[in-house]
Amino acid sequence: MIVHYVYVLRSAHDDGLYIGYSANLRRRFMQHCNGTARATAHRRPWTLIYYEAYLAPADALGREKYFKSGSGRRFLNAQLRNYLAESPLNHVAKLYAANVRKPRERSFYAALMFSIGRVLASVVPWTSMNHLFLFDIAPEIDEKMFAIKYEFSYISR
C-alpha cells in the first residue's frame, strides 16, 4: 500500500513556507535539502514542519491544492499558530525582508515632477475634459524658499 503525503516546509533563508505533495516523503525532503529540487534550491535550508498522509492520491492532491489557497493558508496558520509563535522570524529573514521591502528612492527630477503635479492638482480647477492645461517649468529654483517657479496657460477648445 502506497501512502501519499502533503507536506509543509519552512525556509530558514527567508522564513517562507513551501507546500508540496509526494508519495515518498523522505526522498522528497532530502531532494529539497540537497538542492536537487529546482523549485526550492535557492531557499535552503528547509525544516519539515507539518505533513498529512492519505491513501488515495486524489485526496492528497486535493488537500495540497486547498493548502495553496487563501483559506488553506489561513487553516495552516491557525493549525501551526503555537509553532509559529515559538519560532519567530530569524535574523537572516529579518535582514532579507528589510532589503526586499525597501522603498525605491526617487531621483531629484522625479521628485520635482511629482511635487509640480501635486501643486498643479491643488491649484488648477480640472473642470472639463474639453480644457487642456499646459505648463512650462522655469529652470530657476528659488534657493531661499526651495519653491518651483512655473507658468501654466489655460487653453480652451
Protein backbone atom coordinates (compact mmCIF):
# COMPACT_ATOMS: atom_id res chain seq x y z
CA MET A 1 0.00 0.00 0.00
CA ILE A 2 1.39 3.41 -1.04
CA VAL A 3 0.85 6.38 1.25
CA HIS A 4 0.65 9.86 -0.31
CA TYR A 5 1.79 12.90 1.65
CA VAL A 6 1.04 16.59 1.65
CA TYR A 7 3.74 18.48 3.49
CA VAL A 8 4.75 21.99 4.54
CA LEU A 9 8.37 23.12 4.68
CA ARG A 10 9.72 26.27 6.29
CA SER A 11 12.74 28.01 4.81
CA ALA A 12 15.46 29.21 7.17
CA HIS A 13 16.67 31.55 4.42
CA ASP A 14 13.58 33.75 4.03
CA ASP A 15 11.21 32.16 6.58
CA GLY A 16 8.71 31.36 3.83
CA LEU A 17 6.57 28.24 3.55
CA TYR A 18 6.54 25.67 0.76
CA ILE A 19 3.61 23.29 0.28
CA GLY A 20 4.13 20.09 -1.67
CA TYR A 21 2.93 16.56 -2.43
CA SER A 22 4.87 13.32 -2.65
CA ALA A 23 4.43 9.56 -2.47
CA ASN A 24 7.84 9.25 -0.80
CA LEU A 25 8.19 12.00 1.80
CA ARG A 26 11.70 11.05 2.99
CA ARG A 27 13.17 11.07 -0.53
CA ARG A 28 11.39 14.31 -1.48
CA PHE A 29 12.51 16.07 1.71
CA MET A 30 16.12 15.03 1.02
CA GLN A 31 15.80 16.47 -2.51
CA HIS A 32 14.69 19.79 -1.01
CA CYS A 33 17.55 19.75 1.50
CA ASN A 34 20.22 18.75 -1.06
CA GLY A 35 19.11 21.36 -3.58
CA THR A 36 18.17 18.89 -6.32
CA ALA A 37 14.57 20.16 -6.33
CA ARG A 38 14.75 23.19 -8.63
CA ALA A 39 11.70 24.91 -7.12
CA THR A 40 13.26 25.18 -3.67
CA ALA A 41 17.05 25.01 -4.17
CA HIS A 42 17.55 28.78 -3.82
CA ARG A 43 15.75 28.97 -0.44
CA ARG A 44 17.65 26.30 1.53
CA PRO A 45 17.89 25.10 4.30
CA TRP A 46 14.45 23.65 4.97
CA THR A 47 12.61 22.29 8.01
CA LEU A 48 9.66 19.93 7.74
CA ILE A 49 7.01 21.48 9.98
CA TYR A 50 3.77 19.70 9.00
CA TYR A 51 2.53 16.76 6.95
CA GLU A 52 -0.63 14.74 6.35
CA ALA A 53 -0.85 11.18 4.98
CA TYR A 54 -3.54 9.88 2.56
CA LEU A 55 -4.22 6.52 0.95
CA ALA A 56 -5.68 7.96 -2.25
CA PRO A 57 -3.51 10.25 -4.38
CA ALA A 58 -6.53 12.33 -5.42
CA ASP A 59 -7.24 13.15 -1.78
CA ALA A 60 -3.65 14.24 -1.19
CA LEU A 61 -3.57 16.38 -4.35
CA GLY A 62 -6.88 17.98 -3.40
CA ARG A 63 -5.55 18.79 0.06
CA GLU A 64 -2.38 20.30 -1.45
CA LYS A 65 -4.49 22.50 -3.71
CA TYR A 66 -6.55 23.57 -0.70
CA PHE A 67 -3.43 24.44 1.34
CA LYS A 68 -2.22 26.66 -1.51
CA SER A 69 -5.48 28.63 -1.49
CA GLY A 70 -6.20 31.59 0.78
CA SER A 71 -8.46 29.66 3.13
CA GLY A 72 -5.96 26.80 3.23
CA ARG A 73 -3.16 29.15 4.26
CA ARG A 74 -5.40 30.56 6.98
CA PHE A 75 -6.06 26.99 8.14
CA LEU A 76 -2.31 26.26 8.26
CA ASN A 77 -1.61 29.46 10.19
CA ALA A 78 -4.29 28.51 12.72
CA GLN A 79 -3.08 24.89 12.90
CA LEU A 80 0.56 25.91 13.36
CA ARG A 81 -0.01 29.03 15.50
CA ASN A 82 1.86 27.62 18.52
CA TYR A 83 4.87 26.56 16.42
CA LEU A 84 4.94 29.88 14.55
CA ALA A 85 4.65 31.81 17.84
CA GLU A 86 7.57 29.88 19.37
CA SER A 87 9.70 30.22 16.22
CA PRO A 88 9.51 33.87 15.15
CA LEU A 89 11.38 35.27 12.18
CA ASN A 90 15.07 34.58 12.38
CA HIS A 91 17.65 37.34 11.95
CA VAL A 92 18.54 36.31 8.38
CA ALA A 93 14.90 36.51 7.33
CA LYS A 94 14.53 39.91 9.01
CA LEU A 95 17.52 41.26 7.08
CA TYR A 96 16.21 39.74 3.86
CA ALA A 97 12.76 41.26 4.43
CA ALA A 98 14.29 44.66 5.21
CA ASN A 99 16.22 44.65 1.94
CA VAL A 100 13.34 43.40 -0.18
CA ARG A 101 10.76 45.85 1.14
CA LYS A 102 13.00 48.89 0.91
CA PRO A 103 11.15 51.63 -1.00
CA ARG A 104 12.70 52.87 -4.20
CA GLU A 105 14.36 56.26 -3.90
CA ARG A 106 13.26 58.98 -6.29
CA SER A 107 15.72 60.93 -8.31
CA PHE A 108 15.75 64.71 -7.91
CA TYR A 109 13.97 65.14 -11.24
CA ALA A 110 11.27 62.59 -10.39
CA ALA A 111 10.66 64.23 -7.00
CA LEU A 112 10.48 67.62 -8.69
CA MET A 113 7.92 66.44 -11.24
CA PHE A 114 5.87 64.75 -8.50
CA SER A 115 5.82 67.99 -6.48
CA ILE A 116 4.78 70.04 -9.51
CA GLY A 117 1.97 67.61 -10.25
CA ARG A 118 0.67 67.87 -6.67
CA VAL A 119 0.83 71.69 -6.74
CA LEU A 120 -1.00 71.87 -10.04
CA ALA A 121 -3.62 69.40 -8.90
CA SER A 122 -4.38 71.55 -5.87
CA VAL A 123 -4.34 74.92 -7.72
CA VAL A 124 -5.81 74.27 -11.14
CA PRO A 125 -9.55 73.51 -11.38
CA TRP A 126 -9.86 70.47 -13.61
CA THR A 127 -13.48 71.03 -14.61
CA SER A 128 -13.83 69.51 -18.02
CA MET A 129 -12.07 67.24 -20.47
CA ASN A 130 -12.51 69.96 -23.15
CA HIS A 131 -9.90 72.10 -21.42
CA LEU A 132 -6.22 71.49 -21.65
CA PHE A 133 -3.61 72.87 -19.30
CA LEU A 134 -0.06 73.34 -20.49
CA PHE A 135 2.69 74.44 -18.18
CA ASP A 136 6.32 75.40 -18.61
CA ILE A 137 8.72 74.82 -15.79
CA ALA A 138 11.21 77.60 -15.36
CA PRO A 139 14.68 76.22 -14.74
CA GLU A 140 15.25 78.60 -11.85
CA ILE A 141 14.63 77.36 -8.35
CA ASP A 142 14.34 79.90 -5.57
CA GLU A 143 17.17 78.89 -3.27
CA LYS A 144 15.72 80.51 -0.15
CA MET A 145 12.22 79.12 -0.46
CA PHE A 146 13.03 75.95 -2.42
CA ALA A 147 9.93 76.80 -4.40
CA ILE A 148 9.48 75.82 -8.01
CA LYS A 149 8.73 78.67 -10.40
CA TYR A 150 6.37 77.60 -13.12
CA GLU A 151 3.91 79.10 -15.55
CA PHE A 152 0.82 77.45 -16.84
CA SER A 153 -1.59 78.55 -19.51
CA TYR A 154 -5.22 77.72 -19.99
CA ILE A 155 -6.29 76.62 -23.45
CA SER A 156 -9.94 76.21 -24.24
CA ARG A 157 -11.19 74.26 -27.24
